C-alpha atoms as a PDB file:
ATOM      1  CA  UNK A   1     110.222 116.942 102.656  1.00  0.00           C
ATOM      2  CA  UNK A   2     107.355 116.368 105.113  1.00  0.00           C
ATOM      3  CA  UNK A   3     105.460 113.146 104.614  1.00  0.00           C
ATOM      4  CA  UNK A   4     101.971 111.699 104.804  1.00  0.00           C
ATOM      5  CA  UNK A   5     100.315 109.011 106.844  1.00  0.00           C
ATOM      6  CA  UNK A   6      97.550 106.706 105.692  1.00  0.00           C
ATOM      7  CA  UNK A   7      94.370 106.806 107.772  1.00  0.00           C
ATOM      8  CA  UNK A   8      92.203 104.482 105.699  1.00  0.00           C
ATOM      9  CA  UNK A   9      92.283 102.184 102.693  1.00  0.00           C
ATOM     10  CA  UNK A  10      90.064 100.024 100.524  1.00  0.00           C
ATOM     11  CA  UNK A  11      89.783  98.274  97.172  1.00  0.00           C
ATOM     12  CA  UNK A  12      87.198  96.923  94.747  1.00  0.00           C
ATOM     13  CA  UNK A  13      87.176  95.029  91.464  1.00  0.00           C
ATOM     14  CA  UNK A  14      84.934  94.002  88.603  1.00  0.00           C
ATOM     15  CA  UNK A  15      82.083  91.562  89.189  1.00  0.00           C
ATOM     16  CA  UNK A  16      83.209  88.843  86.753  1.00  0.00           C
ATOM     17  CA  UNK A  17      86.373  86.819  87.345  1.00  0.00           C
ATOM     18  CA  UNK A  18      87.890  85.856  83.988  1.00  0.00           C
ATOM     19  CA  UNK A  19      90.462  83.060  84.075  1.00  0.00           C
ATOM     20  CA  UNK A  20      93.123  82.422  81.461  1.00  0.00           C
ATOM     21  CA  UNK A  21      91.050  79.450  80.344  1.00  0.00           C
ATOM     22  CA  UNK A  22      88.101  81.808  79.835  1.00  0.00           C
ATOM     23  CA  UNK A  23      90.234  83.970  77.541  1.00  0.00           C
ATOM     24  CA  UNK A  24      90.462  81.068  75.089  1.00  0.00           C
ATOM     25  CA  UNK A  25      86.923  81.857  73.947  1.00  0.00           C
ATOM     26  CA  UNK A  26      88.184  85.183  72.574  1.00  0.00           C
ATOM     27  CA  UNK A  27      91.667  84.478  71.214  1.00  0.00           C
ATOM     28  CA  UNK A  28      94.075  81.654  70.444  1.00  0.00           C
ATOM     29  CA  UNK A  29      95.902  81.439  73.765  1.00  0.00           C
ATOM     30  CA  UNK A  30      96.464  79.211  76.786  1.00  0.00           C
ATOM     31  CA  UNK A  31      96.968  79.469  80.513  1.00  0.00           C
ATOM     32  CA  UNK A  32     100.585  78.365  80.072  1.00  0.00           C
ATOM     33  CA  UNK A  33     101.306  81.013  77.417  1.00  0.00           C
ATOM     34  CA  UNK A  34      99.776  83.883  79.413  1.00  0.00           C
ATOM     35  CA  UNK A  35     101.491  82.894  82.668  1.00  0.00           C
ATOM     36  CA  UNK A  36     104.878  82.421  81.005  1.00  0.00           C
ATOM     37  CA  UNK A  37     104.731  85.819  79.291  1.00  0.00           C
ATOM     38  CA  UNK A  38     103.047  87.887  82.024  1.00  0.00           C
ATOM     39  CA  UNK A  39     102.531  85.971  85.278  1.00  0.00           C
ATOM     40  CA  UNK A  40      98.792  86.706  85.059  1.00  0.00           C
ATOM     41  CA  UNK A  41      96.366  83.939  86.036  1.00  0.00           C
ATOM     42  CA  UNK A  42      93.070  85.814  86.021  1.00  0.00           C
ATOM     43  CA  UNK A  43      91.543  89.269  85.895  1.00  0.00           C
ATOM     44  CA  UNK A  44      88.204  90.910  86.704  1.00  0.00           C
ATOM     45  CA  UNK A  45      85.838  92.525  84.207  1.00  0.00           C
ATOM     46  CA  UNK A  46      83.231  95.008  85.427  1.00  0.00           C
ATOM     47  CA  UNK A  47      80.246  93.825  83.403  1.00  0.00           C
ATOM     48  CA  UNK A  48      77.633  95.162  85.825  1.00  0.00           C
ATOM     49  CA  UNK A  49      79.666  97.925  87.479  1.00  0.00           C
ATOM     50  CA  UNK A  50      80.744 101.312  86.206  1.00  0.00           C
ATOM     51  CA  UNK A  51      84.141 102.818  86.885  1.00  0.00           C
ATOM     52  CA  UNK A  52      82.359 105.152  89.292  1.00  0.00           C
ATOM     53  CA  UNK A  53      80.830 102.177  91.110  1.00  0.00           C
ATOM     54  CA  UNK A  54      84.259 100.674  91.773  1.00  0.00           C
ATOM     55  CA  UNK A  55      85.856 104.003  92.714  1.00  0.00           C
ATOM     56  CA  UNK A  56      83.048 104.787  95.146  1.00  0.00           C
ATOM     57  CA  UNK A  57      83.205 101.288  96.651  1.00  0.00           C
ATOM     58  CA  UNK A  58      86.944 101.518  97.277  1.00  0.00           C
ATOM     59  CA  UNK A  59      86.583 105.086  98.553  1.00  0.00           C
ATOM     60  CA  UNK A  60      83.783 104.116 100.944  1.00  0.00           C
ATOM     61  CA  UNK A  61      85.941 101.352 102.419  1.00  0.00           C
ATOM     62  CA  UNK A  62      88.805 103.800 102.930  1.00  0.00           C
ATOM     63  CA  UNK A  63      86.577 106.436 104.527  1.00  0.00           C
ATOM     64  CA  UNK A  64      85.026 103.795 106.816  1.00  0.00           C
ATOM     65  CA  UNK A  65      88.318 103.771 108.756  1.00  0.00           C
ATOM     66  CA  UNK A  66      87.725 107.425 109.735  1.00  0.00           C
ATOM     67  CA  UNK A  67      85.688 108.961 112.519  1.00  0.00           C
ATOM     68  CA  UNK A  68      82.800 111.238 111.435  1.00  0.00           C
ATOM     69  CA  UNK A  69      84.915 114.253 112.393  1.00  0.00           C
ATOM     70  CA  UNK A  70      87.875 113.021 110.333  1.00  0.00           C
ATOM     71  CA  UNK A  71      85.600 112.444 107.332  1.00  0.00           C
ATOM     72  CA  UNK A  72      84.215 115.976 107.634  1.00  0.00           C
ATOM     73  CA  UNK A  73      87.772 117.323 107.368  1.00  0.00           C
ATOM     74  CA  UNK A  74      88.472 115.774 103.954  1.00  0.00           C
ATOM     75  CA  UNK A  75      89.229 118.802 101.788  1.00  0.00           C
ATOM     76  CA  UNK A  76      90.609 117.091  98.698  1.00  0.00           C
ATOM     77  CA  UNK A  77      89.428 114.178  96.558  1.00  0.00           C
ATOM     78  CA  UNK A  78      91.607 113.037  93.665  1.00  0.00           C
ATOM     79  CA  UNK A  79      90.829 110.202  91.239  1.00  0.00           C
ATOM     80  CA  UNK A  80      93.536 108.806  88.961  1.00  0.00           C
ATOM     81  CA  UNK A  81      91.942 107.275  85.857  1.00  0.00           C
ATOM     82  CA  UNK A  82      92.125 107.282  82.066  1.00  0.00           C
ATOM     83  CA  UNK A  83      88.747 105.547  81.721  1.00  0.00           C
ATOM     84  CA  UNK A  84      86.154 107.929  83.214  1.00  0.00           C
ATOM     85  CA  UNK A  85      82.518 107.039  82.599  1.00  0.00           C
ATOM     86  CA  UNK A  86      81.808 110.579  81.362  1.00  0.00           C
ATOM     87  CA  UNK A  87      83.786 113.469  79.923  1.00  0.00           C
ATOM     88  CA  UNK A  88      82.377 115.727  82.639  1.00  0.00           C
ATOM     89  CA  UNK A  89      81.766 116.098  85.544  1.00  0.00           C
ATOM     90  CA  UNK A  90      84.935 114.609  86.936  1.00  0.00           C
ATOM     91  CA  UNK A  91      84.975 111.159  88.500  1.00  0.00           C
ATOM     92  CA  UNK A  92      86.217 112.814  91.686  1.00  0.00           C
ATOM     93  CA  UNK A  93      83.139 115.040  91.929  1.00  0.00           C
ATOM     94  CA  UNK A  94      80.881 112.048  91.271  1.00  0.00           C
ATOM     95  CA  UNK A  95      82.624 109.983  93.963  1.00  0.00           C
ATOM     96  CA  UNK A  96      82.249 112.870  96.411  1.00  0.00           C
ATOM     97  CA  UNK A  97      78.513 112.820  95.753  1.00  0.00           C
ATOM     98  CA  UNK A  98      78.300 109.063  96.299  1.00  0.00           C
ATOM     99  CA  UNK A  99      80.193 109.296  99.595  1.00  0.00           C
ATOM    100  CA  UNK A 100      78.419 112.349 100.980  1.00  0.00           C
ATOM    101  CA  UNK A 101      81.546 114.495 100.863  1.00  0.00           C
ATOM    102  CA  UNK A 102      80.680 118.110 100.064  1.00  0.00           C
ATOM    103  CA  UNK A 103      81.386 121.722 100.917  1.00  0.00           C
ATOM    104  CA  UNK A 104      84.907 123.112 100.791  1.00  0.00           C
ATOM    105  CA  UNK A 105      86.401 120.123  98.967  1.00  0.00           C
ATOM    106  CA  UNK A 106      88.565 120.269  95.853  1.00  0.00           C
ATOM    107  CA  UNK A 107      87.759 117.436  93.416  1.00  0.00           C
ATOM    108  CA  UNK A 108      89.800 116.610  90.334  1.00  0.00           C
ATOM    109  CA  UNK A 109      90.853 113.746  88.091  1.00  0.00           C
ATOM    110  CA  UNK A 110      94.404 112.853  87.063  1.00  0.00           C
ATOM    111  CA  UNK A 111      94.993 111.144  83.707  1.00  0.00           C
ATOM    112  CA  UNK A 112      98.480 109.672  83.623  1.00  0.00           C
ATOM    113  CA  UNK A 113      97.481 106.090  82.803  1.00  0.00           C
ATOM    114  CA  UNK A 114      99.464 103.517  84.790  1.00  0.00           C
ATOM    115  CA  UNK A 115     101.574 106.217  86.488  1.00  0.00           C
ATOM    116  CA  UNK A 116      98.418 107.976  87.685  1.00  0.00           C
ATOM    117  CA  UNK A 117      98.150 106.802  91.279  1.00  0.00           C
ATOM    118  CA  UNK A 118     101.835 107.444  91.988  1.00  0.00           C
ATOM    119  CA  UNK A 119     101.456 110.926  90.484  1.00  0.00           C
ATOM    120  CA  UNK A 120      98.395 111.289  92.710  1.00  0.00           C
ATOM    121  CA  UNK A 121     100.547 110.633  95.774  1.00  0.00           C
ATOM    122  CA  UNK A 122     102.954 113.360  94.638  1.00  0.00           C
ATOM    123  CA  UNK A 123     100.058 115.750  94.034  1.00  0.00           C
ATOM    124  CA  UNK A 124      98.520 114.974  97.431  1.00  0.00           C
ATOM    125  CA  UNK A 125     101.816 115.690  99.161  1.00  0.00           C
ATOM    126  CA  UNK A 126     102.157 119.004  97.330  1.00  0.00           C
ATOM    127  CA  UNK A 127      98.582 119.967  98.223  1.00  0.00           C
ATOM    128  CA  UNK A 128      99.232 119.234 101.872  1.00  0.00           C
ATOM    129  CA  UNK A 129     102.337 121.386 101.740  1.00  0.00           C
ATOM    130  CA  UNK A 130     100.040 124.230 100.649  1.00  0.00           C
ATOM    131  CA  UNK A 131      97.596 123.722 103.518  1.00  0.00           C
ATOM    132  CA  UNK A 132      95.251 120.841 102.669  1.00  0.00           C
ATOM    133  CA  UNK A 133      94.479 118.675 105.684  1.00  0.00           C
ATOM    134  CA  UNK A 134      93.126 115.364 104.454  1.00  0.00           C
ATOM    135  CA  UNK A 135      92.883 113.890 100.952  1.00  0.00           C
ATOM    136  CA  UNK A 136      91.038 110.859  99.599  1.00  0.00           C
ATOM    137  CA  UNK A 137      93.118 109.489  96.720  1.00  0.00           C
ATOM    138  CA  UNK A 138      91.656 106.831  94.425  1.00  0.00           C
ATOM    139  CA  UNK A 139      93.059 104.918  91.464  1.00  0.00           C
ATOM    140  CA  UNK A 140      90.252 103.378  89.416  1.00  0.00           C
ATOM    141  CA  UNK A 141      89.965 101.915  85.926  1.00  0.00           C
ATOM    142  CA  UNK A 142      87.374 100.128  83.804  1.00  0.00           C
ATOM    143  CA  UNK A 143      89.557  98.992  80.922  1.00  0.00           C
ATOM    144  CA  UNK A 144      87.628  95.971  79.637  1.00  0.00           C
ATOM    145  CA  UNK A 145      85.367  97.955  77.233  1.00  0.00           C
ATOM    146  CA  UNK A 146      88.494  99.480  75.662  1.00  0.00           C
ATOM    147  CA  UNK A 147      90.138  96.188  74.725  1.00  0.00           C
ATOM    148  CA  UNK A 148      90.239  94.572  71.310  1.00  0.00           C
ATOM    149  CA  UNK A 149      89.174  91.060  72.289  1.00  0.00           C
ATOM    150  CA  UNK A 150      90.718  89.694  69.088  1.00  0.00           C
ATOM    151  CA  UNK A 151      94.197  91.035  69.914  1.00  0.00           C
ATOM    152  CA  UNK A 152      95.861  88.519  72.211  1.00  0.00           C
ATOM    153  CA  UNK A 153      98.833  90.841  72.738  1.00  0.00           C
ATOM    154  CA  UNK A 154      96.638  93.158  74.822  1.00  0.00           C
ATOM    155  CA  UNK A 155      93.307  91.585  75.765  1.00  0.00           C
ATOM    156  CA  UNK A 156      94.863  89.053  78.161  1.00  0.00           C
ATOM    157  CA  UNK A 157      96.695  91.762  80.093  1.00  0.00           C
ATOM    158  CA  UNK A 158      94.118  94.100  81.578  1.00  0.00           C
ATOM    159  CA  UNK A 159      91.437  94.081  84.263  1.00  0.00           C
ATOM    160  CA  UNK A 160      89.052  96.401  86.084  1.00  0.00           C
ATOM    161  CA  UNK A 161      89.600  97.519  89.683  1.00  0.00           C
ATOM    162  CA  UNK A 162      89.913 100.421  92.120  1.00  0.00           C
ATOM    163  CA  UNK A 163      92.007 101.196  95.186  1.00  0.00           C
ATOM    164  CA  UNK A 164      91.826 104.089  97.637  1.00  0.00           C
ATOM    165  CA  UNK A 165      93.669 105.638 100.568  1.00  0.00           C
ATOM    166  CA  UNK A 166      92.915 108.550 102.881  1.00  0.00           C
ATOM    167  CA  UNK A 167      96.041 110.628 103.422  1.00  0.00           C
ATOM    168  CA  UNK A 168      96.921 113.139 106.126  1.00  0.00           C
ATOM    169  CA  UNK A 169      99.961 115.371 106.474  1.00  0.00           C
ATOM    170  CA  UNK A 170     102.703 114.001 108.727  1.00  0.00           C
ATOM    171  CA  UNK A 171     105.401 116.575 109.559  1.00  0.00           C
ATOM    172  CA  UNK A 172     107.588 113.815 111.002  1.00  0.00           C
ATOM    173  CA  UNK A 173     107.220 111.534 107.984  1.00  0.00           C
ATOM    174  CA  UNK A 174     109.504 111.089 104.991  1.00  0.00           C
ATOM    175  CA  UNK A 175     108.576 111.714 101.365  1.00  0.00           C
ATOM    176  CA  UNK A 176     110.790 111.648  98.285  1.00  0.00           C
ATOM    177  CA  UNK A 177     109.550 111.571  94.706  1.00  0.00           C
ATOM    178  CA  UNK A 178     110.766 111.337  91.114  1.00  0.00           C
ATOM    179  CA  UNK A 179     108.879 111.634  87.828  1.00  0.00           C
ATOM    180  CA  UNK A 180     109.795 111.454  84.172  1.00  0.00           C
ATOM    181  CA  UNK A 181     108.417 111.460  80.648  1.00  0.00           C
ATOM    182  CA  UNK A 182     109.931 110.067  77.464  1.00  0.00           C
ATOM    183  CA  UNK A 183     107.355 111.078  74.830  1.00  0.00           C
ATOM    184  CA  UNK A 184     106.500 108.252  72.441  1.00  0.00           C
ATOM    185  CA  UNK A 185     102.852 108.164  71.407  1.00  0.00           C
ATOM    186  CA  UNK A 186     103.202 105.184  69.062  1.00  0.00           C
ATOM    187  CA  UNK A 187     104.209 102.642  71.727  1.00  0.00           C
ATOM    188  CA  UNK A 188     101.070 102.693  73.886  1.00  0.00           C
ATOM    189  CA  UNK A 189      97.888 104.603  73.113  1.00  0.00           C
ATOM    190  CA  UNK A 190      94.093 104.576  72.929  1.00  0.00           C
ATOM    191  CA  UNK A 191      92.263 106.887  70.530  1.00  0.00           C
ATOM    192  CA  UNK A 192      89.068 108.652  71.661  1.00  0.00           C
ATOM    193  CA  UNK A 193      87.243 107.684  68.465  1.00  0.00           C
ATOM    194  CA  UNK A 194      88.683 104.163  68.185  1.00  0.00           C
ATOM    195  CA  UNK A 195      88.679 103.153  71.839  1.00  0.00           C
ATOM    196  CA  UNK A 196      90.868 100.069  71.695  1.00  0.00           C
ATOM    197  CA  UNK A 197      94.185  99.940  73.521  1.00  0.00           C
ATOM    198  CA  UNK A 198      97.129  99.590  71.145  1.00  0.00           C
ATOM    199  CA  UNK A 199     100.544  98.610  72.435  1.00  0.00           C
ATOM    200  CA  UNK A 200     103.954  97.700  71.094  1.00  0.00           C
ATOM    201  CA  UNK A 201     104.672  95.192  73.829  1.00  0.00           C
ATOM    202  CA  UNK A 202     108.398  94.692  73.314  1.00  0.00           C
ATOM    203  CA  UNK A 203     109.073  98.435  73.311  1.00  0.00           C
ATOM    204  CA  UNK A 204     107.048  98.911  76.506  1.00  0.00           C
ATOM    205  CA  UNK A 205     108.950  96.037  78.100  1.00  0.00           C
ATOM    206  CA  UNK A 206     112.330  97.520  77.168  1.00  0.00           C
ATOM    207  CA  UNK A 207     111.289 100.899  78.553  1.00  0.00           C
ATOM    208  CA  UNK A 208     109.971  99.439  81.809  1.00  0.00           C
ATOM    209  CA  UNK A 209     112.899  97.151  82.659  1.00  0.00           C
ATOM    210  CA  UNK A 210     115.147 100.202  82.403  1.00  0.00           C
ATOM    211  CA  UNK A 211     112.947 102.962  83.856  1.00  0.00           C
ATOM    212  CA  UNK A 212     111.659 101.119  86.932  1.00  0.00           C
ATOM    213  CA  UNK A 213     115.012 100.169  88.533  1.00  0.00           C
ATOM    214  CA  UNK A 214     116.627 103.462  87.514  1.00  0.00           C
ATOM    215  CA  UNK A 215     113.767 105.375  89.150  1.00  0.00           C
ATOM    216  CA  UNK A 216     113.999 103.238  92.284  1.00  0.00           C
ATOM    217  CA  UNK A 217     117.755 103.621  92.590  1.00  0.00           C
ATOM    218  CA  UNK A 218     117.570 107.401  92.108  1.00  0.00           C
ATOM    219  CA  UNK A 219     114.882 107.656  94.804  1.00  0.00           C
ATOM    220  CA  UNK A 220     117.143 105.817  97.242  1.00  0.00           C
ATOM    221  CA  UNK A 221     120.076 108.062  96.341  1.00  0.00           C
ATOM    222  CA  UNK A 222     118.055 111.256  96.827  1.00  0.00           C
ATOM    223  CA  UNK A 223     116.698 110.055 100.157  1.00  0.00           C
ATOM    224  CA  UNK A 224     120.076 108.832 101.378  1.00  0.00           C
ATOM    225  CA  UNK A 225     118.669 105.341 101.873  1.00  0.00           C
ATOM    226  CA  UNK A 226     119.710 101.821 100.905  1.00  0.00           C
ATOM    227  CA  UNK A 227     117.663  98.966  99.493  1.00  0.00           C
ATOM    228  CA  UNK A 228     117.585  97.396 102.955  1.00  0.00           C
ATOM    229  CA  UNK A 229     116.072 100.545 104.513  1.00  0.00           C
ATOM    230  CA  UNK A 230     112.794 100.005 102.631  1.00  0.00           C
ATOM    231  CA  UNK A 231     110.240  97.705 104.260  1.00  0.00           C
ATOM    232  CA  UNK A 232     107.950  97.166 101.263  1.00  0.00           C
ATOM    233  CA  UNK A 233     108.263  97.646  97.514  1.00  0.00           C
ATOM    234  CA  UNK A 234     105.148  98.073  95.367  1.00  0.00           C
ATOM    235  CA  UNK A 235     105.784  98.203  91.636  1.00  0.00           C
ATOM    236  CA  UNK A 236     103.100  98.693  88.984  1.00  0.00           C
ATOM    237  CA  UNK A 237     101.552  95.253  88.549  1.00  0.00           C
ATOM    238  CA  UNK A 238     101.796  95.092  84.769  1.00  0.00           C
ATOM    239  CA  UNK A 239     103.910  92.031  84.161  1.00  0.00           C
ATOM    240  CA  UNK A 240     105.686  89.602  86.493  1.00  0.00           C
ATOM    241  CA  UNK A 241     108.788  89.571  84.293  1.00  0.00           C
ATOM    242  CA  UNK A 242     109.151  93.355  84.535  1.00  0.00           C
ATOM    243  CA  UNK A 243     108.766  93.275  88.313  1.00  0.00           C
ATOM    244  CA  UNK A 244     111.284  90.467  88.742  1.00  0.00           C
ATOM    245  CA  UNK A 245     113.738  92.270  86.480  1.00  0.00           C
ATOM    246  CA  UNK A 246     113.526  95.368  88.706  1.00  0.00           C
ATOM    247  CA  UNK A 247     113.905  93.257  91.850  1.00  0.00           C
ATOM    248  CA  UNK A 248     117.003  91.586  90.421  1.00  0.00           C
ATOM    249  CA  UNK A 249     118.633  94.782  89.129  1.00  0.00           C
ATOM    250  CA  UNK A 250     118.066  96.649  92.406  1.00  0.00           C
ATOM    251  CA  UNK A 251     119.110  93.727  94.594  1.00  0.00           C
ATOM    252  CA  UNK A 252     115.798  93.670  96.459  1.00  0.00           C
ATOM    253  CA  UNK A 253     114.876  90.751  98.687  1.00  0.00           C
ATOM    254  CA  UNK A 254     111.875  89.121  96.957  1.00  0.00           C
ATOM    255  CA  UNK A 255     109.840  88.839 100.158  1.00  0.00           C
ATOM    256  CA  UNK A 256     109.820  92.649 100.373  1.00  0.00           C
ATOM    257  CA  UNK A 257     108.119  92.992  96.984  1.00  0.00           C
ATOM    258  CA  UNK A 258     104.314  92.848  97.034  1.00  0.00           C
ATOM    259  CA  UNK A 259     102.694  90.965  94.151  1.00  0.00           C
ATOM    260  CA  UNK A 260      99.088  90.589  93.044  1.00  0.00           C
ATOM    261  CA  UNK A 261      99.430  90.703  89.249  1.00  0.00           C
ATOM    262  CA  UNK A 262      98.446  87.020  89.103  1.00  0.00           C
ATOM    263  CA  UNK A 263      95.019  87.812  90.602  1.00  0.00           C
ATOM    264  CA  UNK A 264      94.180  91.105  88.856  1.00  0.00           C
ATOM    265  CA  UNK A 265      96.320  91.581  85.763  1.00  0.00           C
ATOM    266  CA  UNK A 266      97.240  95.124  84.765  1.00  0.00           C
ATOM    267  CA  UNK A 267      94.679  97.548  86.200  1.00  0.00           C
ATOM    268  CA  UNK A 268      96.555 100.713  85.165  1.00  0.00           C
ATOM    269  CA  UNK A 269      96.066 103.552  87.687  1.00  0.00           C
ATOM    270  CA  UNK A 270      94.347 101.126  90.073  1.00  0.00           C
ATOM    271  CA  UNK A 271      97.367  98.816  90.141  1.00  0.00           C
ATOM    272  CA  UNK A 272      99.540 100.416  92.843  1.00  0.00           C
ATOM    273  CA  UNK A 273      96.412 101.600  94.680  1.00  0.00           C
ATOM    274  CA  UNK A 274      94.958  98.091  95.000  1.00  0.00           C
ATOM    275  CA  UNK A 275      98.336  96.626  95.936  1.00  0.00           C
ATOM    276  CA  UNK A 276      98.832  99.241  98.659  1.00  0.00           C
ATOM    277  CA  UNK A 277      95.315  98.724 100.036  1.00  0.00           C
ATOM    278  CA  UNK A 278      95.770  94.941 100.108  1.00  0.00           C
ATOM    279  CA  UNK A 279      99.174  95.320 101.750  1.00  0.00           C
ATOM    280  CA  UNK A 280      97.609  97.414 104.508  1.00  0.00           C
ATOM    281  CA  UNK A 281      94.583  95.135 104.875  1.00  0.00           C
ATOM    282  CA  UNK A 282      96.827  92.081 105.317  1.00  0.00           C
ATOM    283  CA  UNK A 283      99.003  94.000 107.790  1.00  0.00           C
ATOM    284  CA  UNK A 284     102.042  93.397 105.588  1.00  0.00           C
ATOM    285  CA  UNK A 285     102.949  97.049 106.066  1.00  0.00           C
ATOM    286  CA  UNK A 286     102.323  99.135 109.170  1.00  0.00           C
ATOM    287  CA  UNK A 287     102.470 102.652 110.526  1.00  0.00           C
ATOM    288  CA  UNK A 288     105.997 104.006 110.364  1.00  0.00           C
ATOM    289  CA  UNK A 289     107.196 101.545 107.717  1.00  0.00           C
ATOM    290  CA  UNK A 290     109.032 102.834 104.680  1.00  0.00           C
ATOM    291  CA  UNK A 291     107.483 102.054 101.285  1.00  0.00           C
ATOM    292  CA  UNK A 292     108.619 102.546  97.709  1.00  0.00           C
ATOM    293  CA  UNK A 293     106.037 102.643  94.912  1.00  0.00           C
ATOM    294  CA  UNK A 294     106.963 102.946  91.231  1.00  0.00           C
ATOM    295  CA  UNK A 295     104.597 103.221  88.267  1.00  0.00           C
ATOM    296  CA  UNK A 296     105.077 103.487  84.512  1.00  0.00           C
ATOM    297  CA  UNK A 297     102.768 103.746  81.554  1.00  0.00           C
ATOM    298  CA  UNK A 298     101.530 105.497  78.439  1.00  0.00           C
ATOM    299  CA  UNK A 299     103.297 108.669  77.500  1.00  0.00           C
ATOM    300  CA  UNK A 300     105.725 107.110  78.105  1.00  0.00           C
ATOM    301  CA  UNK A 301     105.812 108.140  81.755  1.00  0.00           C
ATOM    302  CA  UNK A 302     107.219 106.864  85.008  1.00  0.00           C
ATOM    303  CA  UNK A 303     107.152 107.989  88.596  1.00  0.00           C
ATOM    304  CA  UNK A 304     108.093 106.823  92.048  1.00  0.00           C
ATOM    305  CA  UNK A 305     107.713 107.746  95.691  1.00  0.00           C
ATOM    306  CA  UNK A 306     109.654 106.711  98.767  1.00  0.00           C
ATOM    307  CA  UNK A 307     107.628 107.453 101.885  1.00  0.00           C
ATOM    308  CA  UNK A 308     106.830 106.434 105.417  1.00  0.00           C
ATOM    309  CA  UNK A 309     103.202 105.552 105.955  1.00  0.00           C
END
């Protein structure tokens, strides 16, 4: 399957940094407890930013890597989010307006929670196979207003952020993908009329430590690649223990696995997007490198891509 290359990238986060010590004002917890259970040290809350603000900021940084001509050829804008500011219009259409992208451009949102950005990569690749030239893909979430700040099982986990990449078809590139759904509403959900995230943490953990390595191993098998053939692994930054379990089960060298869960917590659809943007910004991954990204989340869903960038 033909691949995609990344022309631009960017990220943004909430305006207030909230440490584990800060979380003690809301619930009975400690820095030691949170780190031991999750690996999270802090997170960002968007107190004076909307989800659209963060998405547009990350998107603007990604588009800034393009020439004016390249920007004018963007014909798709996709936003992965489950926390849009409004029911309609779509976040994607609103971001297009903020960035001055108009005309013959398809704009749409993808709601697949923490799997959303990875599903967005699959969608972008399919769109390019049908003739699209250049797609701005954003993962953005403002989760803090949807948290029960008296539930220490969930409120310490999440943060607000956005990540973006500009993608272009690459006929010489590689792209393999795998998706799956194991329907179970009662494990992780958020009701429209009672907007607090509810999660059965142990069940999510059991699902993730199985689904993530199995997805990764199947991607390698389909692509005819080995663990050593991949230059960088980016797993959904939900929990350090889940990531390390996948690394151990797959036999991945730890230095190949990008981590930023300590700085941001779980940012849902923004998670892989921010990690990828930071990886590119730090030059820890470069043109032609092979990357694997795997996400998992509410549904329960999972998805992975193995691609050259």
